Amino acid sequence: MKTWGVILLSLCLLICGGCQTQTPTEPGVTHLTLWHGINPPPNRDVFQKLVDQFNQTHPKIQVDAYYVGQPDQQMPKILTAIVGNASPDILWYAPQITGQLVELDAIQPLENWLDESPRKAEIDPALFEAMELNGHTWSIPMATNNTAIFYRPSLFEKAGITKLPLTWEEFRVTAGKLTSDLDGDGKLDQHGIVLPLGKGEWTVFTWLPFMYSAEGELIDRDEVDLVNPGAIAALQFWSDLITDGSAILSGPERGYEQDNFISGKVAMQITGPWTLGFLQSAGIDYGVFPIPAKDQQATVVGGEHLFVMKTTPQQQKAALTFLDYVLSEDFQTEWSLGTGYLPVNLKTRQSQKYQDFLSQQPSLQVFLKQMAWARTRPIIAGYRRLSENLGRAIEASLLGENPQDALKQAENRLKLMI
């Protein structure tokens, strides 16, 4: 009995760790709990301001938004809450969790509501792939982004580079020209690019555009297929950059950090528009160009979605009102201007206010243009297992293993799990 008491107490503490104090129920007012992991803190402040505006204009619906940690911290809380029948009303998370939430029967399908909403026509068409699974719509995008190549123009100029690379071949040559021994001690002090070392989602997220550019896929006829020419070519390309000496590896699972880029130790880095404000505050020169292409142009859609959890009809109806607000031009404009994320609403992108913002942030044009050919990561129930094993293959290849062998081992592990 004592053991069960400890388990129950741990369950309650884990769930309530992100809930904070519950708002007292007011007659005629529907309170909604929203869990999120928005970072950095300034972005969190922008979101809270927008939530406050919703609450002021919707006195019968009050949204209580709680930061519950980064994705790896959120998952145990989310799963425990679902099992304990204590889910939030609205969940903010990457859409790759969709399949798992569907399997757990934890989320409400949204297609009936969205099909009748004028907001549907305002959503960027590139985002629907990440919203749908098995013929249903399960989420709406709150914000979006993609990855491109950030570069240091001053280092390009110093190396005599006058043309930005458009293809893999040009990129490899450019990275080589940007690699040098600056002080003549026989050791390389500057490299062309930093590549992410690690098995985590960041590594997969930044590598996938190269695989898609080589016409590779991860799923073929509903089966995992990692050992395909596109995947092998993309992994070989990254490995070649390491072999050439023109790429260095980041710290383990720290591929998103930009210290080497800011200091000038590397001239290029793969990242997204969320870093624009940080780079501006660093006071360095920088520019952005699209992911170089092999067979076709490609990038991968990032950003988080909102899910309506299965709670009560009253809560779910109120949650849809908040989702409509999030998709609106007003919300998307303020969110995008405040954070650097790309607006999901096409009317926002066309608005004068956003166009004025773009004139001051020309680098964003690269990410907006790339949305025309952006792909999403697979929306399947086993995406986490797929990503973890693919990440292991990428890491092993960057550390010297043959790319095809690394992918084959990853595929065999996945087949054993399935």
Protein backbone atom coordinates (compact mmCIF):
# COMPACT_ATOMS: atom_id res chain seq x y z
CA MET A 1 0.00 0.00 0.00
CA LYS A 2 2.84 2.35 0.81
CA THR A 3 4.38 1.72 -2.63
CA TRP A 4 1.12 2.59 -4.38
CA GLY A 5 0.89 5.77 -2.33
CA VAL A 6 4.34 6.85 -3.46
CA ILE A 7 3.46 6.12 -7.11
CA LEU A 8 0.23 8.09 -6.86
CA LEU A 9 1.98 11.03 -5.20
CA SER A 10 4.69 11.04 -7.88
CA LEU A 11 2.03 10.98 -10.58
CA CYS A 12 0.25 13.96 -9.09
CA LEU A 13 3.45 15.95 -8.63
CA LEU A 14 4.56 15.26 -12.20
CA ILE A 15 1.24 16.39 -13.64
CA CYS A 16 0.83 19.43 -11.42
CA GLY A 17 4.43 20.55 -11.89
CA GLY A 18 3.35 22.43 -15.01
CA CYS A 19 -0.11 23.41 -13.84
CA GLN A 20 0.63 25.89 -11.08
CA THR A 21 -2.33 27.04 -9.00
CA GLN A 22 -5.71 26.39 -10.61
CA THR A 23 -7.80 29.46 -11.35
CA PRO A 24 -11.05 29.52 -9.30
CA THR A 25 -14.12 28.71 -11.37
CA GLU A 26 -16.27 31.74 -12.16
CA PRO A 27 -19.94 31.36 -13.11
CA GLY A 28 -20.39 31.40 -16.88
CA VAL A 29 -16.64 31.54 -17.58
CA THR A 30 -14.77 28.68 -19.27
CA HIS A 31 -11.15 28.42 -18.14
CA LEU A 32 -8.71 26.73 -20.49
CA THR A 33 -5.28 25.41 -19.53
CA LEU A 34 -2.60 25.63 -22.21
CA TRP A 35 0.80 23.96 -21.86
CA HIS A 36 3.73 25.22 -23.92
CA GLY A 37 7.51 25.28 -24.10
CA ILE A 38 8.07 28.59 -25.87
CA ASN A 39 11.64 29.85 -25.74
CA PRO A 40 13.64 32.06 -25.47
CA PRO A 41 11.91 34.00 -22.66
CA PRO A 42 11.30 37.13 -24.80
CA ASN A 43 9.21 34.99 -27.17
CA ARG A 44 7.33 33.67 -24.16
CA ASP A 45 6.55 37.24 -23.15
CA VAL A 46 5.18 38.01 -26.62
CA PHE A 47 2.90 34.99 -26.42
CA GLN A 48 1.65 35.86 -22.94
CA LYS A 49 0.81 39.38 -24.09
CA LEU A 50 -1.25 37.93 -26.94
CA VAL A 51 -3.00 35.52 -24.55
CA ASP A 52 -3.83 38.46 -22.28
CA GLN A 53 -5.34 40.30 -25.24
CA PHE A 54 -7.53 37.29 -26.01
CA ASN A 55 -8.70 37.11 -22.41
CA GLN A 56 -9.58 40.80 -22.42
CA THR A 57 -11.70 40.47 -25.55
CA HIS A 58 -13.28 37.12 -24.58
CA PRO A 59 -14.54 37.55 -21.02
CA LYS A 60 -16.42 34.22 -21.16
CA ILE A 61 -13.25 32.30 -22.07
CA GLN A 62 -10.05 32.68 -20.09
CA VAL A 63 -6.85 30.97 -21.20
CA ASP A 64 -4.23 30.16 -18.56
CA ALA A 65 -0.93 29.54 -20.37
CA TYR A 66 1.83 27.69 -18.53
CA TYR A 67 5.44 27.10 -19.54
CA VAL A 68 6.16 23.43 -18.79
CA GLY A 69 9.72 23.10 -20.04
CA GLN A 70 11.57 22.21 -23.21
CA PRO A 71 10.36 19.31 -25.41
CA ASP A 72 12.35 16.60 -23.62
CA GLN A 73 11.02 17.91 -20.30
CA GLN A 74 7.46 18.15 -21.59
CA MET A 75 7.01 14.60 -22.86
CA PRO A 76 6.93 12.84 -19.47
CA LYS A 77 4.44 15.43 -18.20
CA ILE A 78 2.25 15.13 -21.30
CA LEU A 79 2.14 11.33 -21.27
CA THR A 80 1.58 11.18 -17.52
CA ALA A 81 -1.23 13.72 -17.76
CA ILE A 82 -2.93 11.72 -20.51
CA VAL A 83 -2.69 8.47 -18.57
CA GLY A 84 -3.90 10.22 -15.41
CA ASN A 85 -6.84 11.86 -17.20
CA ALA A 86 -5.43 15.30 -16.34
CA SER A 87 -4.54 16.70 -19.74
CA PRO A 88 -4.40 20.43 -20.47
CA ASP A 89 -7.16 21.72 -22.74
CA ILE A 90 -4.68 22.94 -25.37
CA LEU A 91 -1.21 21.59 -26.03
CA TRP A 92 1.63 23.40 -27.85
CA TYR A 93 4.14 20.98 -29.38
CA ALA A 94 5.87 20.00 -32.63
CA PRO A 95 3.48 18.15 -34.97
CA GLN A 96 5.70 15.07 -35.01
CA ILE A 97 3.95 14.05 -31.78
CA THR A 98 0.63 13.72 -33.64
CA GLY A 99 0.79 9.99 -34.31
CA GLN A 100 1.55 9.20 -30.68
CA LEU A 101 -1.32 11.38 -29.44
CA VAL A 102 -3.71 9.77 -31.93
CA GLU A 103 -2.69 6.30 -30.75
CA LEU A 104 -3.44 7.37 -27.18
CA ASP A 105 -6.84 8.79 -28.28
CA ALA A 106 -5.81 12.02 -26.57
CA ILE A 107 -6.66 14.69 -29.16
CA GLN A 108 -9.75 15.91 -30.95
CA PRO A 109 -9.88 15.90 -34.79
CA LEU A 110 -10.34 19.40 -36.19
CA GLU A 111 -11.35 18.98 -39.84
CA ASN A 112 -15.10 19.63 -39.31
CA TRP A 113 -14.36 22.93 -37.59
CA LEU A 114 -11.56 23.96 -39.94
CA ASP A 115 -13.48 23.10 -43.12
CA GLU A 116 -16.18 25.58 -42.09
CA SER A 117 -13.73 28.28 -41.03
CA PRO A 118 -12.54 31.09 -43.33
CA ARG A 119 -9.13 30.68 -41.66
CA LYS A 120 -8.44 27.53 -43.68
CA ALA A 121 -7.98 29.51 -46.90
CA GLU A 122 -5.52 31.81 -45.12
CA ILE A 123 -3.09 29.06 -44.01
CA ASP A 124 0.10 28.54 -46.01
CA PRO A 125 -0.57 25.39 -48.12
CA ALA A 126 2.89 24.04 -47.23
CA LEU A 127 1.70 23.52 -43.64
CA PHE A 128 -1.22 21.16 -44.24
CA GLU A 129 1.02 18.10 -44.59
CA ALA A 130 2.04 18.46 -40.94
CA MET A 131 -1.57 18.96 -39.78
CA GLU A 132 -2.99 15.75 -41.20
CA LEU A 133 -2.82 12.02 -40.51
CA ASN A 134 -5.05 9.15 -41.66
CA GLY A 135 -7.54 11.47 -43.33
CA HIS A 136 -8.04 13.74 -40.32
CA THR A 137 -6.76 17.17 -39.33
CA TRP A 138 -5.30 17.02 -35.82
CA SER A 139 -3.64 20.38 -35.19
CA ILE A 140 -3.21 23.94 -36.41
CA PRO A 141 0.17 25.68 -36.85
CA MET A 142 0.89 28.49 -34.43
CA ALA A 143 4.14 29.52 -36.07
CA THR A 144 6.42 28.24 -38.76
CA ASN A 145 10.00 28.45 -39.96
CA ASN A 146 12.58 26.53 -41.96
CA THR A 147 16.35 26.28 -42.16
CA ALA A 148 18.83 28.00 -44.46
CA ILE A 149 22.55 28.78 -44.49
CA PHE A 150 23.71 31.76 -42.44
CA TYR A 151 27.08 33.13 -43.54
CA ARG A 152 29.61 35.84 -42.65
CA PRO A 153 29.94 38.22 -45.66
CA SER A 154 33.23 39.64 -44.35
CA LEU A 155 34.82 36.17 -44.35
CA PHE A 156 33.49 35.48 -47.85
CA GLU A 157 35.02 38.73 -49.08
CA LYS A 158 38.34 37.97 -47.41
CA ALA A 159 38.41 34.57 -49.14
CA GLY A 160 37.67 36.18 -52.51
CA ILE A 161 34.22 34.59 -52.81
CA THR A 162 31.90 36.79 -54.85
CA LYS A 163 29.09 34.31 -55.65
CA LEU A 164 26.90 32.47 -53.15
CA PRO A 165 26.85 28.69 -53.71
CA LEU A 166 23.66 27.27 -55.22
CA THR A 167 24.60 23.59 -55.63
CA TRP A 168 26.30 20.96 -53.49
CA GLU A 169 29.41 21.11 -55.67
CA GLU A 170 29.64 24.88 -55.35
CA PHE A 171 29.00 24.67 -51.61
CA ARG A 172 31.81 22.15 -51.11
CA VAL A 173 34.25 24.38 -53.02
CA THR A 174 33.11 27.45 -51.07
CA ALA A 175 33.51 25.68 -47.72
CA GLY A 176 37.05 24.71 -48.74
CA LYS A 177 38.00 28.30 -49.61
CA LEU A 178 36.75 29.44 -46.21
CA THR A 179 38.96 26.94 -44.37
CA SER A 180 42.42 28.16 -43.47
CA ASP A 181 45.33 28.28 -41.05
CA LEU A 182 45.25 31.93 -40.10
CA ASP A 183 48.31 32.08 -37.85
CA GLY A 184 50.58 29.69 -39.76
CA ASP A 185 51.01 27.19 -36.95
CA GLY A 186 49.97 24.24 -39.08
CA LYS A 187 46.50 23.99 -37.54
CA LEU A 188 43.25 25.13 -39.09
CA ASP A 189 41.80 28.11 -37.26
CA GLN A 190 38.81 28.80 -39.50
CA HIS A 191 36.42 26.33 -41.10
CA GLY A 192 33.77 26.66 -43.74
CA ILE A 193 30.86 25.32 -41.70
CA VAL A 194 29.91 23.72 -38.39
CA LEU A 195 27.81 20.54 -38.54
CA PRO A 196 25.80 19.19 -35.60
CA LEU A 197 27.23 16.28 -33.64
CA GLY A 198 24.57 14.24 -31.90
CA LYS A 199 21.63 11.88 -32.29
CA GLY A 200 18.94 14.41 -31.35
CA GLU A 201 16.19 16.00 -33.41
CA TRP A 202 18.28 19.07 -34.22
CA THR A 203 20.73 16.89 -36.17
CA VAL A 204 17.90 15.22 -38.08
CA PHE A 205 16.08 18.52 -38.69
CA THR A 206 19.13 20.20 -40.24
CA TRP A 207 20.18 17.14 -42.30
CA LEU A 208 16.82 16.29 -43.85
CA PRO A 209 16.83 19.20 -46.36
CA PHE A 210 19.90 17.65 -47.97
CA MET A 211 18.21 14.25 -48.19
CA TYR A 212 15.07 15.74 -49.74
CA SER A 213 17.25 17.74 -52.16
CA ALA A 214 18.74 14.44 -53.34
CA GLU A 215 15.19 13.08 -53.81
CA GLY A 216 15.47 10.79 -50.82
CA GLU A 217 12.60 9.71 -48.58
CA LEU A 218 12.32 8.08 -45.16
CA ILE A 219 9.05 6.23 -45.81
CA ASP A 220 8.27 4.17 -48.92
CA ARG A 221 4.78 2.64 -49.23
CA ASP A 222 4.24 2.92 -45.48
CA GLU A 223 7.53 1.18 -44.73
CA VAL A 224 10.72 2.69 -43.27
CA ASP A 225 13.31 2.96 -46.04
CA LEU A 226 16.52 4.63 -44.89
CA VAL A 227 18.89 2.91 -47.32
CA ASN A 228 17.95 4.82 -50.46
CA PRO A 229 20.17 6.73 -52.92
CA GLY A 230 19.04 10.17 -51.69
CA ALA A 231 19.74 9.44 -48.02
CA ILE A 232 23.10 7.86 -48.83
CA ALA A 233 24.10 10.81 -51.00
CA ALA A 234 23.13 13.39 -48.36
CA LEU A 235 25.02 11.58 -45.61
CA GLN A 236 28.03 11.13 -47.90
CA PHE A 237 27.99 14.86 -48.67
CA TRP A 238 28.17 15.79 -44.99
CA SER A 239 30.88 13.18 -44.45
CA ASP A 240 32.89 14.60 -47.37
CA LEU A 241 32.84 18.06 -45.77
CA ILE A 242 34.35 16.53 -42.63
CA THR A 243 36.93 14.57 -44.65
CA ASP A 244 37.88 17.71 -46.56
CA GLY A 245 38.58 19.47 -43.27
CA SER A 246 36.20 22.29 -44.24
CA ALA A 247 33.60 21.35 -41.61
CA ILE A 248 33.95 20.95 -37.86
CA LEU A 249 31.54 19.25 -35.51
CA SER A 250 29.64 21.03 -32.79
CA GLY A 251 29.70 19.94 -29.19
CA PRO A 252 27.54 16.87 -28.51
CA GLU A 253 23.86 17.80 -28.98
CA ARG A 254 24.82 21.49 -29.21
CA GLY A 255 24.52 22.02 -32.94
CA TYR A 256 22.23 25.00 -32.51
CA GLU A 257 24.79 27.05 -30.56
CA GLN A 258 26.33 29.89 -32.58
CA ASP A 259 29.46 30.75 -30.62
CA ASN A 260 31.85 29.62 -33.37
CA PHE A 261 29.83 31.45 -36.02
CA ILE A 262 29.79 34.67 -34.02
CA SER A 263 33.51 34.47 -33.23
CA GLY A 264 34.36 33.83 -36.89
CA LYS A 265 35.81 30.36 -36.34
CA VAL A 266 33.29 29.10 -38.88
CA ALA A 267 31.91 31.07 -41.81
CA MET A 268 28.59 29.23 -42.25
CA GLN A 269 25.96 27.51 -40.12
CA ILE A 270 22.59 25.84 -40.75
CA THR A 271 19.88 27.46 -38.65
CA GLY A 272 16.63 29.41 -38.89
CA PRO A 273 14.99 32.84 -38.59
CA TRP A 274 14.54 32.55 -34.83
CA THR A 275 18.24 33.44 -34.49
CA LEU A 276 17.98 36.79 -36.28
CA GLY A 277 17.40 38.84 -33.13
CA PHE A 278 20.26 37.10 -31.32
CA LEU A 279 22.69 37.74 -34.19
CA GLN A 280 21.67 41.38 -34.38
CA SER A 281 22.37 41.81 -30.67
CA ALA A 282 25.78 40.17 -31.20
CA GLY A 283 26.72 43.03 -33.53
CA ILE A 284 28.24 40.90 -36.30
CA ASP A 285 27.81 40.92 -40.07
CA TYR A 286 25.71 38.08 -41.47
CA GLY A 287 23.64 37.06 -44.46
CA VAL A 288 21.41 34.15 -45.43
CA PHE A 289 21.13 31.99 -48.54
CA PRO A 290 18.97 28.93 -49.38
CA ILE A 291 20.03 25.35 -48.68
CA PRO A 292 22.20 24.37 -51.68
CA ALA A 293 20.55 21.91 -54.07
CA LYS A 294 21.54 18.61 -55.64
CA ASP A 295 18.56 17.41 -57.70
CA GLN A 296 15.95 19.84 -56.39
CA GLN A 297 15.59 22.69 -53.92
CA ALA A 298 14.51 21.63 -50.44
CA THR A 299 14.15 22.69 -46.85
CA VAL A 300 12.20 21.35 -43.87
CA VAL A 301 9.29 23.02 -42.13
CA GLY A 302 9.77 23.78 -38.46
CA GLY A 303 7.55 25.38 -35.86
CA GLU A 304 4.99 24.19 -33.34
CA HIS A 305 1.28 23.39 -33.53
CA LEU A 306 -1.66 23.59 -31.16
CA PHE A 307 -3.68 20.48 -30.29
CA VAL A 308 -7.13 20.37 -28.72
CA MET A 309 -7.04 17.64 -26.10
CA LYS A 310 -10.04 15.41 -25.42
CA THR A 311 -11.60 16.91 -22.32
CA THR A 312 -15.24 18.07 -22.27
CA PRO A 313 -17.43 19.41 -25.12
CA GLN A 314 -17.56 22.82 -23.43
CA GLN A 315 -13.77 23.02 -23.06
CA GLN A 316 -13.19 21.80 -26.60
CA LYS A 317 -15.60 24.35 -28.08
CA ALA A 318 -13.90 27.15 -26.17
CA ALA A 319 -10.48 25.88 -27.28
CA LEU A 320 -11.54 26.20 -30.93
CA THR A 321 -12.31 29.87 -30.33
CA PHE A 322 -8.73 30.36 -29.13
CA LEU A 323 -7.36 28.43 -32.12
CA ASP A 324 -9.31 30.72 -34.44
CA TYR A 325 -7.66 33.68 -32.71
CA VAL A 326 -4.18 32.15 -33.13
CA LEU A 327 -4.72 31.71 -36.87
CA SER A 328 -6.01 35.27 -37.27
CA GLU A 329 -4.12 37.99 -39.11
CA ASP A 330 -3.85 40.12 -35.95
CA PHE A 331 -2.28 37.36 -33.84
CA GLN A 332 0.05 36.21 -36.58
CA THR A 333 1.26 39.73 -37.29
CA GLU A 334 2.11 40.52 -33.68
CA TRP A 335 3.65 37.10 -33.07
CA SER A 336 5.81 37.25 -36.19
CA LEU A 337 7.00 40.81 -35.62
CA GLY A 338 7.79 40.01 -32.01
CA THR A 339 9.63 36.72 -32.52
CA GLY A 340 10.98 36.48 -36.08
CA TYR A 341 8.90 33.36 -36.81
CA LEU A 342 7.24 33.27 -40.21
CA PRO A 343 3.49 33.95 -40.12
CA VAL A 344 1.29 30.99 -41.03
CA ASN A 345 -1.43 33.36 -42.23
CA LEU A 346 -1.00 34.48 -45.85
CA LYS A 347 -2.93 37.70 -45.23
CA THR A 348 -0.36 38.65 -42.61
CA ARG A 349 2.49 38.11 -45.07
CA GLN A 350 0.78 40.41 -47.57
CA SER A 351 -0.09 43.13 -45.04
CA GLN A 352 1.63 46.49 -45.17
CA LYS A 353 2.74 46.16 -41.57
CA TYR A 354 4.55 42.90 -42.25
CA GLN A 355 5.99 44.17 -45.55
CA ASP A 356 7.44 47.16 -43.69
CA PHE A 357 8.97 44.71 -41.21
CA LEU A 358 10.48 42.67 -44.06
CA SER A 359 12.13 45.78 -45.48
CA GLN A 360 14.06 46.02 -42.20
CA GLN A 361 14.69 42.24 -42.04
CA PRO A 362 15.60 41.29 -45.63
CA SER A 363 17.03 37.93 -44.54
CA LEU A 364 13.49 36.73 -43.81
CA GLN A 365 12.77 36.83 -47.54
CA VAL A 366 14.97 33.75 -47.97
CA PHE A 367 12.87 31.72 -45.52
CA LEU A 368 9.59 32.93 -47.00
CA LYS A 369 10.75 31.99 -50.50
CA GLN A 370 11.81 28.53 -49.32
CA MET A 371 8.30 27.79 -48.03
CA ALA A 372 7.34 27.17 -51.68
CA TRP A 373 9.33 23.92 -51.63
CA ALA A 374 9.44 23.14 -47.89
CA ARG A 375 8.69 19.60 -46.70
CA THR A 376 7.54 18.37 -43.33
CA ARG A 377 9.01 15.56 -41.29
CA PRO A 378 6.93 12.36 -41.37
CA ILE A 379 3.72 12.48 -39.32
CA ILE A 380 3.65 8.90 -38.08
CA ALA A 381 3.09 7.23 -34.73
CA GLY A 382 6.68 5.97 -34.54
CA TYR A 383 8.42 9.19 -35.54
CA ARG A 384 10.41 9.42 -32.31
CA ARG A 385 11.93 5.97 -32.87
CA LEU A 386 12.61 6.84 -36.51
CA SER A 387 14.30 10.11 -35.61
CA GLU A 388 16.41 8.61 -32.83
CA ASN A 389 17.77 5.86 -35.07
CA LEU A 390 18.32 8.16 -38.03
CA GLY A 391 20.16 10.55 -35.71
CA ARG A 392 22.43 7.69 -34.63
CA ALA A 393 23.22 6.95 -38.28
CA ILE A 394 24.06 10.58 -39.04
CA GLU A 395 26.30 10.83 -35.98
CA ALA A 396 28.08 7.56 -36.78
CA SER A 397 28.75 8.68 -40.34
CA LEU A 398 30.16 12.04 -39.24
CA LEU A 399 32.47 10.14 -36.89
CA GLY A 400 33.85 8.02 -39.73
CA GLU A 401 31.46 5.14 -40.42
CA ASN A 402 30.45 4.37 -44.00
CA PRO A 403 27.14 6.22 -44.65
CA GLN A 404 25.40 3.27 -46.28
CA ASP A 405 26.43 0.92 -43.44
CA ALA A 406 25.25 3.44 -40.82
CA LEU A 407 21.85 3.81 -42.50
CA LYS A 408 21.50 0.03 -42.89
CA GLN A 409 22.17 -0.52 -39.19
CA ALA A 410 19.60 2.14 -38.29
CA GLU A 411 17.01 0.55 -40.56
CA ASN A 412 17.66 -2.91 -39.09
CA ARG A 413 17.21 -1.55 -35.56
CA LEU A 414 13.88 0.01 -36.54
CA LYS A 415 12.64 -3.21 -38.13
CA LEU A 416 13.50 -5.14 -34.96
CA MET A 417 11.58 -2.59 -32.88
CA ILE A 418 8.54 -2.75 -35.14
